[in-house]
Amino acid sequence: MIDVLTALLILIVAAVLLSGIRVVREWERVPVLRLGRFIGVKGPGLIYVIPGIDKVPKKISMRVHTVPFSAEQTLTKDNVPVNVDAVMYARPVDPEKCILNVEDYELASMWAAQTTLREVIGQVNLNELLTEREAIAARLREIIDEKTEHWGVKVDSVEIRDVVIPKELQDAMSRMAQAERERIARVTLAQAEYEAANRFLEAARIYADNPRALEIRWMNILYELGQTGKGSIIFIPVQMPSVAFPAVGMLGVEKLPMEGEEEEKED
């Protein structure tokens, strides 16, 4: 009977001693408290924790954590309520601070990111929030990282995923954008008219100095009308410049001489 009890006791003691063996994965770290006092961080690999004496509060993953956060109905600097969704990429870099300086570093980092997002939104206008997301995200990362540094957490980056504005404001912005496009179109058209008028004035000066060029231009216009028209009728303006060289017809100029007439003139 004594031998059985002894063997049973040995098995119990061995099981208790073996229960202190832990396997810590490569990306994990284990802070150890001995009788309530912090003695260090162990891992990765095979570690031993004295049963009943040492205590492991939690395993800390050293990998990057994805922390989504948002700010709803937050007023911008120009008093526009917006809903902003963002995501933070952070990782623990000091397991000792993660355990000793804050109760839950993940939850604390998330709340710090959310409150910082509200603060930054209140300092920018809606137009800046929509057009300068990268700059605002960089500013968020800097402020949040400064807060979480005391908790042993490093913020790698912050990204703004979406900015939602009220429906009424969306309609107003759409109308404003349409009006701006119409304004640009009208300015462009006016600029084109101005440039065309200057070109016409320049052409008029050239024609005034060289009437022969104007006559050639008129002949080219008549030729183009004949090429593009579907019928055989060509309308000729009444105020057409007089052609200096012989031409046939209704323009009131000299008739082209025949071959016999040219010989008589030569005689």
Protein backbone atom coordinates (compact mmCIF):
# COMPACT_ATOMS: atom_id res chain seq x y z
CA MET A 1 0.00 0.00 0.00
CA ILE A 2 2.85 2.35 0.83
CA ASP A 3 4.56 1.59 -2.45
CA VAL A 4 1.38 2.42 -4.37
CA LEU A 5 0.97 5.73 -2.56
CA THR A 6 4.63 6.56 -3.15
CA ALA A 7 4.32 5.83 -6.86
CA LEU A 8 1.14 7.88 -7.05
CA LEU A 9 2.83 10.77 -5.28
CA ILE A 10 5.79 10.58 -7.63
CA LEU A 11 3.46 10.69 -10.63
CA ILE A 12 1.64 13.72 -9.24
CA VAL A 13 4.90 15.57 -8.56
CA ALA A 14 6.22 14.70 -12.02
CA ALA A 15 2.99 15.90 -13.66
CA VAL A 16 3.17 19.18 -11.76
CA LEU A 17 6.81 19.71 -12.70
CA LEU A 18 6.19 18.84 -16.33
CA SER A 19 3.25 21.25 -16.51
CA GLY A 20 5.73 24.12 -16.36
CA ILE A 21 7.12 23.28 -19.77
CA ARG A 22 5.84 25.69 -22.42
CA VAL A 23 6.46 26.01 -26.15
CA VAL A 24 6.51 29.58 -27.42
CA ARG A 25 6.16 30.18 -31.15
CA GLU A 26 8.63 32.27 -33.11
CA TRP A 27 6.45 35.41 -33.23
CA GLU A 28 5.38 35.23 -29.57
CA ARG A 29 6.91 36.47 -26.34
CA VAL A 30 5.96 35.46 -22.79
CA PRO A 31 6.33 37.90 -19.85
CA VAL A 32 6.82 36.02 -16.58
CA LEU A 33 5.84 37.17 -13.06
CA ARG A 34 7.42 35.34 -10.13
CA LEU A 35 5.48 35.77 -6.93
CA GLY A 36 3.94 38.90 -8.46
CA ARG A 37 7.19 40.49 -9.58
CA PHE A 38 8.24 40.83 -13.21
CA ILE A 39 11.37 38.80 -13.89
CA GLY A 40 11.65 39.08 -17.69
CA VAL A 41 10.39 37.99 -21.07
CA LYS A 42 10.93 34.46 -22.35
CA GLY A 43 10.67 32.89 -25.77
CA PRO A 44 10.61 31.86 -28.46
CA GLY A 45 11.17 28.12 -28.19
CA LEU A 46 10.99 25.80 -25.21
CA ILE A 47 10.72 27.55 -21.82
CA TYR A 48 10.01 26.48 -18.28
CA VAL A 49 7.66 28.22 -15.86
CA ILE A 50 7.76 27.10 -12.22
CA PRO A 51 4.24 25.87 -11.37
CA GLY A 52 2.55 27.77 -8.57
CA ILE A 53 5.35 30.35 -8.41
CA ASP A 54 5.67 31.84 -11.87
CA LYS A 55 2.70 33.26 -13.72
CA VAL A 56 2.24 34.22 -17.38
CA PRO A 57 -0.31 37.06 -17.74
CA LYS A 58 -0.67 36.58 -21.52
CA LYS A 59 1.23 35.73 -24.64
CA ILE A 60 2.17 38.72 -26.74
CA SER A 61 2.25 38.40 -30.52
CA MET A 62 5.03 40.49 -32.04
CA ARG A 63 3.42 40.49 -35.48
CA VAL A 64 1.67 43.49 -37.01
CA HIS A 65 -1.89 43.90 -35.77
CA THR A 66 -4.65 45.34 -37.96
CA VAL A 67 -6.81 47.66 -35.88
CA PRO A 68 -9.91 49.16 -37.57
CA PHE A 69 -11.41 52.27 -35.99
CA SER A 70 -13.89 54.96 -36.97
CA ALA A 71 -15.34 58.35 -36.04
CA GLU A 72 -19.07 58.89 -36.56
CA GLN A 73 -20.82 62.25 -36.91
CA THR A 74 -17.62 64.16 -36.25
CA LEU A 75 -17.60 67.86 -37.16
CA THR A 76 -14.85 69.19 -39.39
CA LYS A 77 -13.33 72.64 -39.00
CA ASP A 78 -16.04 74.09 -41.27
CA ASN A 79 -18.81 72.36 -39.22
CA VAL A 80 -19.63 69.52 -41.62
CA PRO A 81 -20.61 66.20 -39.97
CA VAL A 82 -18.71 63.27 -41.46
CA ASN A 83 -18.25 59.56 -40.82
CA VAL A 84 -14.66 58.42 -41.27
CA ASP A 85 -13.40 54.82 -41.33
CA ALA A 86 -9.69 54.14 -40.91
CA VAL A 87 -7.34 51.28 -40.19
CA MET A 88 -4.13 51.22 -38.16
CA TYR A 89 -1.21 48.79 -38.54
CA ALA A 90 0.67 48.46 -35.24
CA ARG A 91 2.94 45.94 -33.53
CA PRO A 92 4.32 45.46 -30.01
CA VAL A 93 8.02 46.22 -29.74
CA ASP A 94 8.48 46.14 -25.95
CA PRO A 95 6.59 43.29 -24.20
CA GLU A 96 7.59 44.62 -20.78
CA LYS A 97 5.81 47.94 -21.36
CA CYS A 98 2.84 46.14 -22.91
CA ILE A 99 2.30 44.28 -19.64
CA LEU A 100 3.42 46.74 -16.97
CA ASN A 101 2.28 50.13 -18.35
CA VAL A 102 -1.20 49.33 -19.61
CA GLU A 103 -3.87 46.78 -18.78
CA ASP A 104 -4.86 45.94 -22.38
CA TYR A 105 -2.51 47.46 -24.95
CA GLU A 106 -4.66 46.43 -27.93
CA LEU A 107 -7.81 48.08 -26.60
CA ALA A 108 -5.90 51.14 -25.44
CA SER A 109 -4.27 51.55 -28.85
CA MET A 110 -7.65 51.33 -30.57
CA TRP A 111 -9.23 53.99 -28.34
CA ALA A 112 -6.20 56.24 -28.71
CA ALA A 113 -6.50 55.96 -32.49
CA GLN A 114 -10.22 56.76 -32.42
CA THR A 115 -9.89 59.84 -30.21
CA THR A 116 -6.94 61.08 -32.26
CA LEU A 117 -8.98 60.69 -35.44
CA ARG A 118 -11.73 62.89 -33.97
CA GLU A 119 -9.19 65.52 -32.93
CA VAL A 120 -7.57 65.67 -36.36
CA ILE A 121 -10.91 65.83 -38.19
CA GLY A 122 -11.89 68.84 -36.10
CA GLN A 123 -8.73 70.64 -37.23
CA VAL A 124 -9.19 70.30 -41.02
CA ASN A 125 -11.77 71.44 -43.55
CA LEU A 126 -13.91 69.03 -45.53
CA ASN A 127 -12.02 69.77 -48.73
CA GLU A 128 -8.70 68.95 -47.04
CA LEU A 129 -10.17 65.74 -45.62
CA LEU A 130 -11.27 64.62 -49.09
CA THR A 131 -8.21 65.65 -51.09
CA GLU A 132 -5.30 65.23 -48.64
CA ARG A 133 -5.92 61.81 -47.15
CA GLU A 134 -2.29 60.74 -47.25
CA ALA A 135 -1.12 63.83 -45.38
CA ILE A 136 -3.85 63.43 -42.75
CA ALA A 137 -3.07 59.71 -42.39
CA ALA A 138 0.62 60.52 -41.84
CA ARG A 139 -0.36 63.08 -39.22
CA LEU A 140 -2.57 60.50 -37.50
CA ARG A 141 0.24 57.95 -37.47
CA GLU A 142 2.64 60.42 -35.87
CA ILE A 143 0.22 61.43 -33.09
CA ILE A 144 -0.98 57.89 -32.32
CA ASP A 145 2.57 56.54 -32.30
CA GLU A 146 3.55 59.18 -29.77
CA LYS A 147 0.70 58.06 -27.49
CA THR A 148 1.30 54.32 -27.81
CA GLU A 149 5.05 54.56 -27.40
CA HIS A 150 4.62 54.45 -23.59
CA TRP A 151 2.71 51.17 -24.00
CA GLY A 152 5.43 49.47 -26.05
CA VAL A 153 3.45 49.65 -29.30
CA LYS A 154 4.85 50.93 -32.59
CA VAL A 155 2.41 52.31 -35.20
CA ASP A 156 3.70 51.50 -38.69
CA SER A 157 1.00 53.24 -40.72
CA VAL A 158 -2.54 54.58 -40.69
CA GLU A 159 -4.86 54.60 -43.71
CA ILE A 160 -8.19 56.38 -44.19
CA ARG A 161 -10.53 53.93 -45.89
CA ASP A 162 -13.68 55.96 -46.41
CA VAL A 163 -15.19 59.39 -45.77
CA VAL A 164 -19.00 59.57 -45.77
CA ILE A 165 -20.73 62.95 -45.94
CA PRO A 166 -24.47 63.74 -45.67
CA LYS A 167 -26.65 63.14 -48.73
CA GLU A 168 -27.71 66.79 -48.93
CA LEU A 169 -24.09 67.90 -49.00
CA GLN A 170 -23.28 65.35 -51.69
CA ASP A 171 -26.01 66.83 -53.92
CA ALA A 172 -24.76 70.36 -53.27
CA MET A 173 -21.18 69.35 -54.09
CA SER A 174 -22.36 67.64 -57.28
CA ARG A 175 -24.16 70.80 -58.41
CA MET A 176 -21.13 72.90 -57.54
CA ALA A 177 -18.85 70.59 -59.53
CA GLN A 178 -21.22 70.74 -62.50
CA ALA A 179 -21.30 74.55 -62.32
CA GLU A 180 -17.50 74.61 -62.18
CA ARG A 181 -17.28 72.39 -65.27
CA GLU A 182 -19.71 74.67 -67.13
CA ARG A 183 -17.66 77.71 -66.12
CA ILE A 184 -14.48 76.11 -67.42
CA ALA A 185 -16.23 75.16 -70.67
CA ARG A 186 -17.47 78.71 -71.21
CA VAL A 187 -14.06 80.19 -70.44
CA THR A 188 -12.47 77.74 -72.86
CA LEU A 189 -15.01 78.63 -75.56
CA ALA A 190 -14.47 82.36 -75.02
CA GLN A 191 -10.71 81.86 -75.22
CA ALA A 192 -11.14 79.96 -78.48
CA GLU A 193 -13.33 82.74 -79.88
CA TYR A 194 -10.75 85.32 -78.85
CA GLU A 195 -7.94 83.41 -80.52
CA ALA A 196 -10.05 82.85 -83.66
CA ALA A 197 -10.88 86.57 -83.86
CA ASN A 198 -7.19 87.44 -83.62
CA ARG A 199 -6.45 84.97 -86.40
CA PHE A 200 -9.17 86.51 -88.57
CA LEU A 201 -7.74 89.98 -87.98
CA GLU A 202 -4.30 88.76 -88.93
CA ALA A 203 -5.69 87.14 -92.09
CA ALA A 204 -7.57 90.35 -92.96
CA ARG A 205 -4.33 92.32 -92.74
CA ILE A 206 -2.63 89.84 -95.05
CA TYR A 207 -5.49 90.00 -97.56
CA ALA A 208 -5.50 93.81 -97.40
CA ASP A 209 -1.82 93.93 -98.27
CA ASN A 210 -2.14 91.28 -100.99
CA PRO A 211 -5.50 91.28 -102.88
CA ARG A 212 -4.29 88.43 -105.04
CA ALA A 213 -4.26 86.16 -101.96
CA LEU A 214 -7.92 87.04 -101.27
CA GLU A 215 -8.86 86.17 -104.84
CA ILE A 216 -7.16 82.79 -104.54
CA ARG A 217 -8.93 82.18 -101.25
CA TRP A 218 -12.31 82.88 -102.83
CA MET A 219 -11.56 80.45 -105.65
CA ASN A 220 -10.59 77.81 -103.10
CA ILE A 221 -13.88 78.37 -101.25
CA LEU A 222 -15.86 77.89 -104.48
CA TYR A 223 -13.89 74.75 -105.20
CA GLU A 224 -14.63 73.32 -101.74
CA LEU A 225 -18.33 74.14 -102.13
CA GLY A 226 -18.37 72.24 -105.40
CA GLN A 227 -16.66 69.24 -103.81
CA THR A 228 -18.81 69.01 -100.69
CA GLY A 229 -22.21 69.92 -102.18
CA LYS A 230 -24.55 67.12 -103.22
CA GLY A 231 -26.26 69.13 -106.02
CA SER A 232 -25.01 70.97 -109.06
CA ILE A 233 -26.07 74.44 -107.87
CA ILE A 234 -23.42 76.69 -106.34
CA PHE A 235 -24.40 79.94 -104.62
CA ILE A 236 -21.90 82.73 -105.22
CA PRO A 237 -21.94 85.79 -102.91
CA VAL A 238 -22.75 89.13 -104.52
CA GLN A 239 -19.88 90.95 -102.85
CA MET A 240 -17.13 88.84 -104.27
CA PRO A 241 -13.69 90.29 -104.92
CA SER A 242 -12.88 91.05 -108.51
CA VAL A 243 -10.54 88.51 -110.07
CA ALA A 244 -7.66 90.23 -111.77
CA PHE A 245 -6.87 87.47 -114.25
CA PRO A 246 -9.32 86.44 -117.02
CA ALA A 247 -12.22 84.26 -115.92
CA VAL A 248 -15.40 83.17 -117.57
CA GLY A 249 -18.93 84.00 -116.77
CA MET A 250 -21.14 86.02 -114.71
CA LEU A 251 -18.48 87.85 -112.74
CA GLY A 252 -18.41 90.75 -115.23
CA VAL A 253 -14.84 90.19 -116.39
CA GLU A 254 -13.34 89.86 -119.80
CA LYS A 255 -14.21 86.78 -121.77
CA LEU A 256 -11.47 84.31 -122.52
CA PRO A 257 -10.28 84.76 -126.16
CA MET A 258 -10.53 81.94 -128.66
CA GLU A 259 -7.56 80.61 -130.63
CA GLY A 260 -8.42 82.64 -133.80
CA GLU A 261 -8.89 85.81 -131.81
CA GLU A 262 -5.47 85.41 -130.17
CA GLU A 263 -3.83 85.18 -133.66
CA GLU A 264 -5.63 88.31 -134.91
CA LYS A 265 -4.46 90.23 -131.82
CA GLU A 266 -0.92 89.12 -132.44
CA ASP A 267 -1.11 90.38 -136.10
